[in-house]
Amino acid sequence: MYLVVIAWLYVTVLMAVAEASSPTGSVLGAVLTFVLYGLLPLSILVYILGTPGRKRRMHAAREMQERAAEMESAAVAPPRDSASADPDAGGHAPGAPGASTGQPVREET
């Protein structure tokens, strides 16, 4: 895309130089030629064609902010109490049958 922009600006600069160096032309005409044929249309074109890239960057920045907020909230959250009402709050594996009574469990043969 930038190659087209540079090429079109080159063409409009040459048009402006031709306008300024012409015996019937003027510098004001050259400036208007460059602005109206070169800068104005190209600025609109670059803005329109750059919209998808801007949207992607905004979306990526929003996701990064959300991830940072999630990580910050996870780091600030207090550790869970092991004596809470949730039986799996300790994060340990469940005990074997009979482990709570302290008696061994026999396997049947």
N, C-alpha and C. Protein backbone atom coordinates (compact mmCIF):
# COMPACT_ATOMS: atom_id res chain seq x y z
N MET A 1 0.82 -1.17 0.00
CA MET A 1 0.00 0.00 0.00
C MET A 1 0.88 1.26 0.00
N TYR A 2 1.94 1.24 0.77
CA TYR A 2 2.79 2.43 0.86
C TYR A 2 3.52 2.70 -0.45
N LEU A 3 3.76 1.67 -1.23
CA LEU A 3 4.40 1.86 -2.52
C LEU A 3 3.50 2.68 -3.44
N VAL A 4 2.21 2.40 -3.41
CA VAL A 4 1.25 3.16 -4.22
C VAL A 4 1.20 4.61 -3.74
N VAL A 5 1.22 4.82 -2.44
CA VAL A 5 1.18 6.17 -1.87
C VAL A 5 2.41 6.97 -2.31
N ILE A 6 3.57 6.35 -2.19
CA ILE A 6 4.81 7.04 -2.58
C ILE A 6 4.81 7.33 -4.08
N ALA A 7 4.36 6.39 -4.88
CA ALA A 7 4.33 6.60 -6.33
C ALA A 7 3.36 7.72 -6.70
N TRP A 8 2.20 7.75 -6.08
CA TRP A 8 1.23 8.80 -6.39
C TRP A 8 1.75 10.17 -5.94
N LEU A 9 2.40 10.23 -4.80
CA LEU A 9 2.99 11.50 -4.37
C LEU A 9 4.08 11.95 -5.35
N TYR A 10 4.85 11.03 -5.86
CA TYR A 10 5.88 11.35 -6.85
C TYR A 10 5.24 11.95 -8.10
N VAL A 11 4.16 11.33 -8.55
CA VAL A 11 3.46 11.83 -9.74
C VAL A 11 2.91 13.23 -9.48
N THR A 12 2.31 13.46 -8.34
CA THR A 12 1.74 14.78 -8.06
C THR A 12 2.82 15.84 -7.86
N VAL A 13 3.97 15.46 -7.32
CA VAL A 13 5.08 16.42 -7.22
C VAL A 13 5.55 16.81 -8.62
N LEU A 14 5.67 15.84 -9.50
CA LEU A 14 6.07 16.15 -10.88
C LEU A 14 5.02 17.01 -11.58
N MET A 15 3.73 16.76 -11.30
CA MET A 15 2.67 17.61 -11.87
C MET A 15 2.80 19.03 -11.34
N ALA A 16 3.09 19.17 -10.05
CA ALA A 16 3.23 20.50 -9.47
C ALA A 16 4.45 21.22 -10.03
N VAL A 17 5.55 20.50 -10.22
CA VAL A 17 6.75 21.11 -10.81
C VAL A 17 6.46 21.55 -12.24
N ALA A 18 5.74 20.72 -12.99
CA ALA A 18 5.39 21.10 -14.36
C ALA A 18 4.49 22.33 -14.36
N GLU A 19 3.57 22.41 -13.42
CA GLU A 19 2.69 23.57 -13.31
C GLU A 19 3.48 24.82 -12.97
N ALA A 20 4.42 24.72 -12.05
CA ALA A 20 5.19 25.88 -11.63
C ALA A 20 6.16 26.35 -12.71
N SER A 21 6.71 25.42 -13.47
CA SER A 21 7.70 25.80 -14.48
C SER A 21 7.09 26.16 -15.83
N SER A 22 5.80 25.97 -15.95
CA SER A 22 5.12 26.31 -17.20
C SER A 22 5.05 27.83 -17.37
N PRO A 23 5.17 28.34 -18.61
CA PRO A 23 5.09 29.80 -18.80
C PRO A 23 3.73 30.38 -18.40
N THR A 24 2.68 29.59 -18.48
CA THR A 24 1.35 30.08 -18.10
C THR A 24 0.96 29.65 -16.69
N GLY A 25 1.79 28.87 -16.02
CA GLY A 25 1.48 28.36 -14.69
C GLY A 25 1.96 29.29 -13.60
N SER A 26 1.63 28.93 -12.38
CA SER A 26 2.05 29.74 -11.23
C SER A 26 2.40 28.81 -10.07
N VAL A 27 3.06 29.37 -9.08
CA VAL A 27 3.41 28.60 -7.88
C VAL A 27 2.16 28.26 -7.09
N LEU A 28 1.21 29.18 -7.03
CA LEU A 28 -0.05 28.91 -6.33
C LEU A 28 -0.78 27.74 -6.99
N GLY A 29 -0.78 27.70 -8.32
CA GLY A 29 -1.38 26.58 -9.04
C GLY A 29 -0.66 25.28 -8.75
N ALA A 30 0.66 25.35 -8.61
CA ALA A 30 1.43 24.14 -8.30
C ALA A 30 1.10 23.63 -6.90
N VAL A 31 0.99 24.55 -5.95
CA VAL A 31 0.65 24.15 -4.58
C VAL A 31 -0.75 23.55 -4.53
N LEU A 32 -1.70 24.19 -5.20
CA LEU A 32 -3.08 23.66 -5.23
C LEU A 32 -3.12 22.30 -5.93
N THR A 33 -2.35 22.15 -7.00
CA THR A 33 -2.29 20.86 -7.68
C THR A 33 -1.78 19.78 -6.75
N PHE A 34 -0.71 20.07 -6.04
CA PHE A 34 -0.14 19.07 -5.12
C PHE A 34 -1.11 18.73 -3.99
N VAL A 35 -1.74 19.74 -3.42
CA VAL A 35 -2.65 19.49 -2.29
C VAL A 35 -3.92 18.79 -2.75
N LEU A 36 -4.54 19.28 -3.83
CA LEU A 36 -5.84 18.74 -4.24
C LEU A 36 -5.74 17.42 -5.00
N TYR A 37 -4.64 17.18 -5.70
CA TYR A 37 -4.47 15.91 -6.40
C TYR A 37 -3.64 14.90 -5.62
N GLY A 38 -2.86 15.38 -4.69
CA GLY A 38 -1.96 14.47 -3.98
C GLY A 38 -2.30 14.26 -2.53
N LEU A 39 -2.13 15.29 -1.72
CA LEU A 39 -2.25 15.11 -0.26
C LEU A 39 -3.67 14.79 0.20
N LEU A 40 -4.64 15.53 -0.27
CA LEU A 40 -6.01 15.33 0.19
C LEU A 40 -6.56 13.94 -0.16
N PRO A 41 -6.52 13.51 -1.42
CA PRO A 41 -7.03 12.17 -1.73
C PRO A 41 -6.24 11.05 -1.04
N LEU A 42 -4.93 11.23 -0.96
CA LEU A 42 -4.13 10.18 -0.33
C LEU A 42 -4.38 10.09 1.17
N SER A 43 -4.59 11.22 1.82
CA SER A 43 -4.87 11.16 3.26
C SER A 43 -6.18 10.44 3.52
N ILE A 44 -7.18 10.69 2.69
CA ILE A 44 -8.47 9.99 2.84
C ILE A 44 -8.29 8.51 2.56
N LEU A 45 -7.57 8.17 1.51
CA LEU A 45 -7.36 6.77 1.15
C LEU A 45 -6.60 6.01 2.23
N VAL A 46 -5.54 6.61 2.74
CA VAL A 46 -4.74 5.95 3.78
C VAL A 46 -5.56 5.78 5.05
N TYR A 47 -6.38 6.76 5.38
CA TYR A 47 -7.23 6.65 6.57
C TYR A 47 -8.24 5.51 6.42
N ILE A 48 -8.88 5.42 5.27
CA ILE A 48 -9.88 4.37 5.05
C ILE A 48 -9.22 2.99 5.02
N LEU A 49 -8.11 2.87 4.31
CA LEU A 49 -7.45 1.56 4.22
C LEU A 49 -6.75 1.16 5.52
N GLY A 50 -6.48 2.11 6.39
CA GLY A 50 -5.84 1.80 7.66
C GLY A 50 -6.81 1.44 8.76
N THR A 51 -8.13 1.52 8.51
CA THR A 51 -9.13 1.25 9.53
C THR A 51 -9.04 -0.17 10.10
N PRO A 52 -8.93 -1.22 9.28
CA PRO A 52 -8.84 -2.56 9.87
C PRO A 52 -7.63 -2.73 10.80
N GLY A 53 -6.51 -2.15 10.45
CA GLY A 53 -5.33 -2.24 11.30
C GLY A 53 -5.52 -1.52 12.62
N ARG A 54 -6.17 -0.35 12.57
CA ARG A 54 -6.45 0.38 13.82
C ARG A 54 -7.39 -0.41 14.70
N LYS A 55 -8.40 -1.05 14.11
CA LYS A 55 -9.34 -1.85 14.90
C LYS A 55 -8.63 -3.04 15.55
N ARG A 56 -7.73 -3.69 14.80
CA ARG A 56 -6.98 -4.81 15.38
C ARG A 56 -6.11 -4.35 16.55
N ARG A 57 -5.45 -3.20 16.39
CA ARG A 57 -4.60 -2.69 17.47
C ARG A 57 -5.43 -2.31 18.69
N MET A 58 -6.60 -1.71 18.47
CA MET A 58 -7.46 -1.34 19.60
C MET A 58 -7.97 -2.58 20.31
N HIS A 59 -8.34 -3.62 19.54
CA HIS A 59 -8.83 -4.86 20.13
C HIS A 59 -7.72 -5.56 20.93
N ALA A 60 -6.51 -5.58 20.38
CA ALA A 60 -5.39 -6.20 21.09
C ALA A 60 -5.05 -5.42 22.36
N ALA A 61 -5.10 -4.10 22.30
CA ALA A 61 -4.82 -3.30 23.50
C ALA A 61 -5.89 -3.53 24.56
N ARG A 62 -7.14 -3.65 24.14
CA ARG A 62 -8.23 -3.90 25.10
C ARG A 62 -8.05 -5.27 25.76
N GLU A 63 -7.65 -6.29 24.97
CA GLU A 63 -7.42 -7.61 25.55
C GLU A 63 -6.25 -7.60 26.53
N MET A 64 -5.20 -6.86 26.20
CA MET A 64 -4.05 -6.76 27.11
C MET A 64 -4.45 -6.09 28.42
N GLN A 65 -5.30 -5.06 28.35
CA GLN A 65 -5.76 -4.41 29.57
C GLN A 65 -6.61 -5.36 30.40
N GLU A 66 -7.47 -6.14 29.74
CA GLU A 66 -8.30 -7.10 30.48
C GLU A 66 -7.43 -8.16 31.14
N ARG A 67 -6.43 -8.65 30.42
CA ARG A 67 -5.53 -9.66 31.01
C ARG A 67 -4.76 -9.09 32.18
N ALA A 68 -4.30 -7.85 32.05
CA ALA A 68 -3.57 -7.22 33.14
C ALA A 68 -4.47 -7.03 34.35
N ALA A 69 -5.73 -6.65 34.11
CA ALA A 69 -6.67 -6.48 35.21
C ALA A 69 -6.96 -7.83 35.88
N GLU A 70 -7.08 -8.89 35.09
CA GLU A 70 -7.33 -10.21 35.67
C GLU A 70 -6.13 -10.67 36.50
N MET A 71 -4.93 -10.45 35.98
CA MET A 71 -3.73 -10.86 36.72
C MET A 71 -3.58 -10.04 38.00
N GLU A 72 -3.91 -8.76 37.92
CA GLU A 72 -3.82 -7.91 39.10
C GLU A 72 -4.84 -8.33 40.15
N SER A 73 -6.06 -8.65 39.71
CA SER A 73 -7.08 -9.07 40.67
C SER A 73 -6.72 -10.43 41.27
N ALA A 74 -6.08 -11.31 40.49
CA ALA A 74 -5.68 -12.61 41.02
C ALA A 74 -4.53 -12.44 42.03
N ALA A 75 -3.65 -11.49 41.78
CA ALA A 75 -2.54 -11.27 42.71
C ALA A 75 -3.00 -10.60 43.98
N VAL A 76 -4.04 -9.80 43.91
CA VAL A 76 -4.53 -9.06 45.08
C VAL A 76 -5.49 -9.90 45.90
N ALA A 77 -6.12 -10.90 45.30
CA ALA A 77 -7.12 -11.70 46.00
C ALA A 77 -6.48 -12.41 47.19
N PRO A 78 -7.15 -12.40 48.35
CA PRO A 78 -6.59 -13.06 49.53
C PRO A 78 -6.61 -14.58 49.35
N PRO A 79 -5.67 -15.28 49.97
CA PRO A 79 -5.66 -16.74 49.86
C PRO A 79 -6.89 -17.32 50.54
N ARG A 80 -7.37 -18.40 49.99
CA ARG A 80 -8.57 -19.03 50.54
C ARG A 80 -8.22 -19.75 51.84
N ASP A 81 -9.11 -19.68 52.77
CA ASP A 81 -8.93 -20.32 54.07
C ASP A 81 -9.20 -21.81 53.91
N SER A 82 -8.32 -22.65 54.49
CA SER A 82 -8.49 -24.10 54.35
C SER A 82 -9.64 -24.62 55.19
N ALA A 83 -10.09 -23.86 56.13
CA ALA A 83 -11.19 -24.29 56.99
C ALA A 83 -12.51 -23.68 56.54
N SER A 84 -12.66 -23.44 55.26
CA SER A 84 -13.90 -22.84 54.77
C SER A 84 -14.97 -23.91 54.62
N ALA A 85 -16.13 -23.48 54.21
CA ALA A 85 -17.25 -24.40 54.06
C ALA A 85 -17.09 -25.29 52.84
N ASP A 86 -16.28 -24.90 51.91
CA ASP A 86 -16.06 -25.68 50.71
C ASP A 86 -15.12 -26.84 51.06
N PRO A 87 -15.55 -28.11 50.88
CA PRO A 87 -14.71 -29.24 51.29
C PRO A 87 -13.43 -29.37 50.46
N ASP A 88 -13.43 -28.88 49.25
CA ASP A 88 -12.24 -29.00 48.41
C ASP A 88 -11.41 -27.74 48.42
N ALA A 89 -11.59 -26.88 49.39
CA ALA A 89 -10.89 -25.61 49.41
C ALA A 89 -9.40 -25.78 49.66
N GLY A 90 -9.00 -26.87 50.29
CA GLY A 90 -7.59 -27.06 50.59
C GLY A 90 -6.78 -27.42 49.37
N GLY A 91 -7.42 -27.92 48.32
CA GLY A 91 -6.72 -28.27 47.10
C GLY A 91 -6.03 -29.62 47.19
N HIS A 92 -6.29 -30.41 48.24
CA HIS A 92 -5.68 -31.73 48.37
C HIS A 92 -6.57 -32.77 47.73
N ALA A 93 -5.97 -33.90 47.41
CA ALA A 93 -6.75 -35.00 46.86
C ALA A 93 -7.63 -35.59 47.95
N PRO A 94 -8.78 -36.10 47.59
CA PRO A 94 -9.64 -36.70 48.61
C PRO A 94 -8.98 -37.92 49.24
N GLY A 95 -9.28 -38.13 50.47
CA GLY A 95 -8.67 -39.25 51.20
C GLY A 95 -9.28 -40.58 50.81
N ALA A 96 -8.58 -41.63 51.17
CA ALA A 96 -9.06 -42.98 50.88
C ALA A 96 -10.19 -43.33 51.84
N PRO A 97 -11.00 -44.32 51.52
CA PRO A 97 -12.08 -44.71 52.44
C PRO A 97 -11.49 -45.18 53.77
N GLY A 98 -12.06 -44.72 54.82
CA GLY A 98 -11.60 -45.11 56.14
C GLY A 98 -10.44 -44.28 56.65
N ALA A 99 -9.95 -43.37 55.86
CA ALA A 99 -8.81 -42.57 56.28
C ALA A 99 -9.20 -41.60 57.38
N SER A 100 -10.47 -41.22 57.41
CA SER A 100 -10.90 -40.29 58.44
C SER A 100 -10.94 -40.96 59.82
N THR A 101 -11.16 -42.27 59.88
CA THR A 101 -11.21 -42.98 61.17
C THR A 101 -9.83 -43.41 61.62
N GLY A 102 -8.89 -43.42 60.70
CA GLY A 102 -7.54 -43.81 61.06
C GLY A 102 -7.33 -45.31 61.04
N GLN A 103 -8.32 -46.09 60.65
CA GLN A 103 -8.20 -47.54 60.62
C GLN A 103 -7.87 -48.01 59.22
N PRO A 104 -7.01 -49.02 59.11
CA PRO A 104 -6.67 -49.54 57.79
C PRO A 104 -7.86 -50.20 57.11
N VAL A 105 -7.83 -50.17 55.81
CA VAL A 105 -8.91 -50.80 55.05
C VAL A 105 -8.34 -52.02 54.40
N ARG A 106 -9.06 -53.16 54.59
CA ARG A 106 -8.61 -54.41 54.01
C ARG A 106 -9.24 -54.65 52.68
N GLU A 107 -8.46 -55.32 51.85
CA GLU A 107 -9.00 -55.73 50.58
C GLU A 107 -9.53 -57.14 50.73
N GLU A 108 -10.61 -57.41 50.09
CA GLU A 108 -11.15 -58.77 50.15
C GLU A 108 -10.43 -59.66 49.18
N THR A 109 -10.21 -60.87 49.60
CA THR A 109 -9.50 -61.83 48.75
C THR A 109 -10.39 -62.92 48.28
